[in-house]
PDB file of N, CA and C in Angstrom:
ATOM      1  N   UNK A   1      -9.895  19.193  -5.285  1.00  0.00           N
ATOM      2  CA  UNK A   1      -8.663  18.508  -5.631  1.00  0.00           C
ATOM      3  C   UNK A   1      -7.991  17.926  -4.387  1.00  0.00           C
ATOM      4  N   UNK A   2      -8.054  18.670  -3.286  1.00  0.00           N
ATOM      5  CA  UNK A   2      -7.427  18.187  -2.053  1.00  0.00           C
ATOM      6  C   UNK A   2      -8.084  16.911  -1.555  1.00  0.00           C
ATOM      7  N   UNK A   3      -9.402  16.880  -1.641  1.00  0.00           N
ATOM      8  CA  UNK A   3     -10.134  15.702  -1.164  1.00  0.00           C
ATOM      9  C   UNK A   3      -9.798  14.481  -2.012  1.00  0.00           C
ATOM     10  N   UNK A   4      -9.662  14.664  -3.322  1.00  0.00           N
ATOM     11  CA  UNK A   4      -9.307  13.574  -4.216  1.00  0.00           C
ATOM     12  C   UNK A   4      -7.902  13.053  -3.899  1.00  0.00           C
ATOM     13  N   UNK A   5      -6.954  13.958  -3.678  1.00  0.00           N
ATOM     14  CA  UNK A   5      -5.599  13.541  -3.298  1.00  0.00           C
ATOM     15  C   UNK A   5      -5.605  12.762  -1.991  1.00  0.00           C
ATOM     16  N   UNK A   6      -6.410  13.211  -1.054  1.00  0.00           N
ATOM     17  CA  UNK A   6      -6.494  12.547   0.241  1.00  0.00           C
ATOM     18  C   UNK A   6      -7.064  11.135   0.093  1.00  0.00           C
ATOM     19  N   UNK A   7      -8.117  10.983  -0.687  1.00  0.00           N
ATOM     20  CA  UNK A   7      -8.733   9.670  -0.893  1.00  0.00           C
ATOM     21  C   UNK A   7      -7.769   8.726  -1.606  1.00  0.00           C
ATOM     22  N   UNK A   8      -7.147   9.202  -2.675  1.00  0.00           N
ATOM     23  CA  UNK A   8      -6.193   8.366  -3.411  1.00  0.00           C
ATOM     24  C   UNK A   8      -4.999   8.017  -2.529  1.00  0.00           C
ATOM     25  N   UNK A   9      -4.559   8.972  -1.718  1.00  0.00           N
ATOM     26  CA  UNK A   9      -3.444   8.722  -0.812  1.00  0.00           C
ATOM     27  C   UNK A   9      -3.761   7.644   0.201  1.00  0.00           C
ATOM     28  N   UNK A  10      -4.950   7.687   0.799  1.00  0.00           N
ATOM     29  CA  UNK A  10      -5.334   6.673   1.776  1.00  0.00           C
ATOM     30  C   UNK A  10      -5.501   5.306   1.116  1.00  0.00           C
ATOM     31  N   UNK A  11      -6.056   5.276  -0.090  1.00  0.00           N
ATOM     32  CA  UNK A  11      -6.185   4.000  -0.801  1.00  0.00           C
ATOM     33  C   UNK A  11      -4.815   3.413  -1.130  1.00  0.00           C
ATOM     34  N   UNK A  12      -3.900   4.254  -1.596  1.00  0.00           N
ATOM     35  CA  UNK A  12      -2.550   3.783  -1.911  1.00  0.00           C
ATOM     36  C   UNK A  12      -1.840   3.286  -0.652  1.00  0.00           C
ATOM     37  N   UNK A  13      -2.008   3.983   0.451  1.00  0.00           N
ATOM     38  CA  UNK A  13      -1.403   3.571   1.712  1.00  0.00           C
ATOM     39  C   UNK A  13      -1.963   2.222   2.162  1.00  0.00           C
ATOM     40  N   UNK A  14      -3.274   2.050   2.104  1.00  0.00           N
ATOM     41  CA  UNK A  14      -3.903   0.803   2.541  1.00  0.00           C
ATOM     42  C   UNK A  14      -3.477  -0.372   1.664  1.00  0.00           C
ATOM     43  N   UNK A  15      -3.478  -0.179   0.358  1.00  0.00           N
ATOM     44  CA  UNK A  15      -3.074  -1.255  -0.546  1.00  0.00           C
ATOM     45  C   UNK A  15      -1.595  -1.569  -0.362  1.00  0.00           C
ATOM     46  N   UNK A  16      -0.777  -0.541  -0.185  1.00  0.00           N
ATOM     47  CA  UNK A  16       0.648  -0.758   0.051  1.00  0.00           C
ATOM     48  C   UNK A  16       0.910  -1.554   1.310  1.00  0.00           C
ATOM     49  N   UNK A  17       0.179  -1.254   2.385  1.00  0.00           N
ATOM     50  CA  UNK A  17       0.343  -2.010   3.624  1.00  0.00           C
ATOM     51  C   UNK A  17      -0.120  -3.457   3.456  1.00  0.00           C
ATOM     52  N   UNK A  18      -1.181  -3.676   2.688  1.00  0.00           N
ATOM     53  CA  UNK A  18      -1.638  -5.030   2.400  1.00  0.00           C
ATOM     54  C   UNK A  18      -0.564  -5.804   1.638  1.00  0.00           C
ATOM     55  N   UNK A  19       0.039  -5.174   0.634  1.00  0.00           N
ATOM     56  CA  UNK A  19       1.085  -5.828  -0.151  1.00  0.00           C
ATOM     57  C   UNK A  19       2.306  -6.145   0.707  1.00  0.00           C
ATOM     58  N   UNK A  20       2.645  -5.244   1.622  1.00  0.00           N
ATOM     59  CA  UNK A  20       3.761  -5.515   2.535  1.00  0.00           C
ATOM     60  C   UNK A  20       3.438  -6.742   3.379  1.00  0.00           C
ATOM     61  N   UNK A  21       2.237  -6.788   3.923  1.00  0.00           N
ATOM     62  CA  UNK A  21       1.831  -7.930   4.736  1.00  0.00           C
ATOM     63  C   UNK A  21       1.813  -9.235   3.963  1.00  0.00           C
ATOM     64  N   UNK A  22       1.318  -9.193   2.754  1.00  0.00           N
ATOM     65  CA  UNK A  22       1.291 -10.409   1.940  1.00  0.00           C
ATOM     66  C   UNK A  22       2.700 -10.815   1.516  1.00  0.00           C
ATOM     67  N   UNK A  23       3.504  -9.855   1.143  1.00  0.00           N
ATOM     68  CA  UNK A  23       4.864 -10.166   0.695  1.00  0.00           C
ATOM     69  C   UNK A  23       5.722 -10.768   1.793  1.00  0.00           C
ATOM     70  N   UNK A  24       5.519 -10.317   3.014  1.00  0.00           N
ATOM     71  CA  UNK A  24       6.286 -10.867   4.131  1.00  0.00           C
ATOM     72  C   UNK A  24       5.650 -12.117   4.709  1.00  0.00           C
ATOM     73  N   UNK A  25       4.442 -12.442   4.289  1.00  0.00           N
ATOM     74  CA  UNK A  25       3.763 -13.642   4.759  1.00  0.00           C
ATOM     75  C   UNK A  25       2.983 -13.453   6.043  1.00  0.00           C
ATOM     76  N   UNK A  26       2.844 -12.219   6.526  1.00  0.00           N
ATOM     77  CA  UNK A  26       2.091 -11.998   7.759  1.00  0.00           C
ATOM     78  C   UNK A  26       0.589 -11.915   7.520  1.00  0.00           C
ATOM     79  N   UNK A  27       0.188 -11.567   6.300  1.00  0.00           N
ATOM     80  CA  UNK A  27      -1.229 -11.545   5.932  1.00  0.00           C
ATOM     81  C   UNK A  27      -1.439 -12.614   4.872  1.00  0.00           C
ATOM     82  N   UNK A  28      -2.216 -13.620   5.209  1.00  0.00           N
ATOM     83  CA  UNK A  28      -2.482 -14.716   4.280  1.00  0.00           C
ATOM     84  C   UNK A  28      -3.888 -14.615   3.714  1.00  0.00           C
ATOM     85  N   UNK A  29      -4.243 -13.436   3.236  1.00  0.00           N
ATOM     86  CA  UNK A  29      -5.563 -13.204   2.671  1.00  0.00           C
ATOM     87  C   UNK A  29      -5.423 -12.547   1.319  1.00  0.00           C
ATOM     88  N   UNK A  30      -6.090 -12.960   0.319  1.00  0.00           N
ATOM     89  CA  UNK A  30      -6.841 -14.211   0.188  1.00  0.00           C
ATOM     90  C   UNK A  30      -5.881 -15.404   0.079  1.00  0.00           C
ATOM     91  N   UNK A  31      -6.355 -16.566   0.416  1.00  0.00           N
ATOM     92  CA  UNK A  31      -5.512 -17.762   0.466  1.00  0.00           C
ATOM     93  C   UNK A  31      -4.864 -18.081  -0.877  1.00  0.00           C
ATOM     94  N   UNK A  32      -5.527 -17.751  -1.958  1.00  0.00           N
ATOM     95  CA  UNK A  32      -5.020 -18.113  -3.287  1.00  0.00           C
ATOM     96  C   UNK A  32      -4.134 -17.026  -3.897  1.00  0.00           C
ATOM     97  N   UNK A  33      -3.736 -16.025  -3.126  1.00  0.00           N
ATOM     98  CA  UNK A  33      -2.949 -14.925  -3.674  1.00  0.00           C
ATOM     99  C   UNK A  33      -1.539 -15.386  -4.037  1.00  0.00           C
ATOM    100  N   UNK A  34      -1.085 -14.978  -5.200  1.00  0.00           N
ATOM    101  CA  UNK A  34       0.266 -15.320  -5.644  1.00  0.00           C
ATOM    102  C   UNK A  34       1.330 -14.459  -4.960  1.00  0.00           C
ATOM    103  N   UNK A  35       0.932 -13.432  -4.226  1.00  0.00           N
ATOM    104  CA  UNK A  35       1.875 -12.513  -3.606  1.00  0.00           C
ATOM    105  C   UNK A  35       2.334 -12.968  -2.225  1.00  0.00           C
ATOM    106  N   UNK A  36       1.669 -13.942  -1.637  1.00  0.00           N
ATOM    107  CA  UNK A  36       1.986 -14.379  -0.277  1.00  0.00           C
ATOM    108  C   UNK A  36       3.366 -15.013  -0.256  1.00  0.00           C
ATOM    109  N   UNK A  37       4.229 -14.474   0.609  1.00  0.00           N
ATOM    110  CA  UNK A  37       5.575 -15.008   0.775  1.00  0.00           C
ATOM    111  C   UNK A  37       6.555 -14.577  -0.303  1.00  0.00           C
ATOM    112  N   UNK A  38       6.151 -13.690  -1.197  1.00  0.00           N
ATOM    113  CA  UNK A  38       7.038 -13.196  -2.255  1.00  0.00           C
ATOM    114  C   UNK A  38       7.571 -11.831  -1.827  1.00  0.00           C
ATOM    115  N   UNK A  39       8.819 -11.770  -1.379  1.00  0.00           N
ATOM    116  CA  UNK A  39       9.365 -10.580  -0.737  1.00  0.00           C
ATOM    117  C   UNK A  39       9.394  -9.356  -1.663  1.00  0.00           C
ATOM    118  N   UNK A  40       9.451  -9.557  -2.975  1.00  0.00           N
ATOM    119  CA  UNK A  40       9.469  -8.386  -3.858  1.00  0.00           C
ATOM    120  C   UNK A  40       8.174  -7.586  -3.746  1.00  0.00           C
ATOM    121  N   UNK A  41       7.065  -8.251  -3.389  1.00  0.00           N
ATOM    122  CA  UNK A  41       5.801  -7.540  -3.216  1.00  0.00           C
ATOM    123  C   UNK A  41       5.830  -6.660  -1.982  1.00  0.00           C
ATOM    124  N   UNK A  42       6.640  -7.010  -1.001  1.00  0.00           N
ATOM    125  CA  UNK A  42       6.806  -6.138   0.164  1.00  0.00           C
ATOM    126  C   UNK A  42       7.496  -4.848  -0.269  1.00  0.00           C
ATOM    127  N   UNK A  43       8.444  -4.949  -1.175  1.00  0.00           N
ATOM    128  CA  UNK A  43       9.109  -3.760  -1.707  1.00  0.00           C
ATOM    129  C   UNK A  43       8.169  -2.884  -2.517  1.00  0.00           C
ATOM    130  N   UNK A  44       7.370  -3.521  -3.361  1.00  0.00           N
ATOM    131  CA  UNK A  44       6.375  -2.769  -4.134  1.00  0.00           C
ATOM    132  C   UNK A  44       5.379  -2.083  -3.200  1.00  0.00           C
ATOM    133  N   UNK A  45       4.993  -2.800  -2.161  1.00  0.00           N
ATOM    134  CA  UNK A  45       4.056  -2.242  -1.190  1.00  0.00           C
ATOM    135  C   UNK A  45       4.639  -1.064  -0.442  1.00  0.00           C
ATOM    136  N   UNK A  46       5.916  -1.152  -0.093  1.00  0.00           N
ATOM    137  CA  UNK A  46       6.570  -0.036   0.599  1.00  0.00           C
ATOM    138  C   UNK A  46       6.604   1.200  -0.296  1.00  0.00           C
ATOM    139  N   UNK A  47       6.891   1.001  -1.572  1.00  0.00           N
ATOM    140  CA  UNK A  47       6.915   2.126  -2.509  1.00  0.00           C
ATOM    141  C   UNK A  47       5.519   2.739  -2.658  1.00  0.00           C
ATOM    142  N   UNK A  48       4.504   1.898  -2.765  1.00  0.00           N
ATOM    143  CA  UNK A  48       3.134   2.395  -2.908  1.00  0.00           C
ATOM    144  C   UNK A  48       2.669   3.103  -1.638  1.00  0.00           C
ATOM    145  N   UNK A  49       3.029   2.549  -0.474  1.00  0.00           N
ATOM    146  CA  UNK A  49       2.661   3.188   0.788  1.00  0.00           C
ATOM    147  C   UNK A  49       3.349   4.541   0.927  1.00  0.00           C
ATOM    148  N   UNK A  50       4.603   4.629   0.500  1.00  0.00           N
ATOM    149  CA  UNK A  50       5.318   5.906   0.544  1.00  0.00           C
ATOM    150  C   UNK A  50       4.656   6.926  -0.376  1.00  0.00           C
ATOM    151  N   UNK A  51       4.248   6.491  -1.554  1.00  0.00           N
ATOM    152  CA  UNK A  51       3.525   7.378  -2.466  1.00  0.00           C
ATOM    153  C   UNK A  51       2.221   7.849  -1.839  1.00  0.00           C
ATOM    154  N   UNK A  52       1.525   6.939  -1.180  1.00  0.00           N
ATOM    155  CA  UNK A  52       0.287   7.305  -0.496  1.00  0.00           C
ATOM    156  C   UNK A  52       0.515   8.356   0.579  1.00  0.00           C
ATOM    157  N   UNK A  53       1.588   8.190   1.350  1.00  0.00           N
ATOM    158  CA  UNK A  53       1.907   9.182   2.384  1.00  0.00           C
ATOM    159  C   UNK A  53       2.232  10.542   1.778  1.00  0.00           C
ATOM    160  N   UNK A  54       2.935  10.530   0.664  1.00  0.00           N
ATOM    161  CA  UNK A  54       3.250  11.796  -0.021  1.00  0.00           C
ATOM    162  C   UNK A  54       1.977  12.473  -0.503  1.00  0.00           C
ATOM    163  N   UNK A  55       1.058  11.696  -1.067  1.00  0.00           N
ATOM    164  CA  UNK A  55      -0.203  12.277  -1.534  1.00  0.00           C
ATOM    165  C   UNK A  55      -1.027  12.824  -0.373  1.00  0.00           C
ATOM    166  N   UNK A  56      -1.047  12.107   0.737  1.00  0.00           N
ATOM    167  CA  UNK A  56      -1.765  12.601   1.918  1.00  0.00           C
ATOM    168  C   UNK A  56      -1.135  13.896   2.407  1.00  0.00           C
ATOM    169  N   UNK A  57       0.185  13.937   2.456  1.00  0.00           N
ATOM    170  CA  UNK A  57       0.903  15.128   2.898  1.00  0.00           C
ATOM    171  C   UNK A  57       0.611  16.309   1.956  1.00  0.00           C
ATOM    172  N   UNK A  58       0.617  16.041   0.647  1.00  0.00           N
ATOM    173  CA  UNK A  58       0.346  17.110  -0.322  1.00  0.00           C
ATOM    174  C   UNK A  58      -1.089  17.622  -0.201  1.00  0.00           C
ATOM    175  N   UNK A  59      -2.013  16.767   0.162  1.00  0.00           N
ATOM    176  CA  UNK A  59      -3.402  17.202   0.277  1.00  0.00           C
ATOM    177  C   UNK A  59      -3.597  18.119   1.483  1.00  0.00           C
ATOM    178  N   UNK A  60      -2.712  18.024   2.453  1.00  0.00           N
ATOM    179  CA  UNK A  60      -2.835  18.840   3.659  1.00  0.00           C
ATOM    180  C   UNK A  60      -2.136  20.186   3.530  1.00  0.00           C
ATOM    181  N   UNK A  61      -1.362  20.407   2.472  1.00  0.00           N
ATOM    182  CA  UNK A  61      -0.619  21.666   2.287  1.00  0.00           C
ATOM    183  C   UNK A  61      -1.488  22.758   1.775  1.00  0.00           C
TER     184      UNK A  61
END
């Protein structure tokens, strides 16, 4: 169970950071993404990254 939490946590963290980058316009990949420059996606990404950190923290307890 710990390993699964750790994997899901890292995936959530990585996707959240990608969404933050796309939402703020610093990551323009893929070029056709509708999330680029849309600041609300940075907020969604921050929430997902925070969830990922919580899952990683819980897996280490």
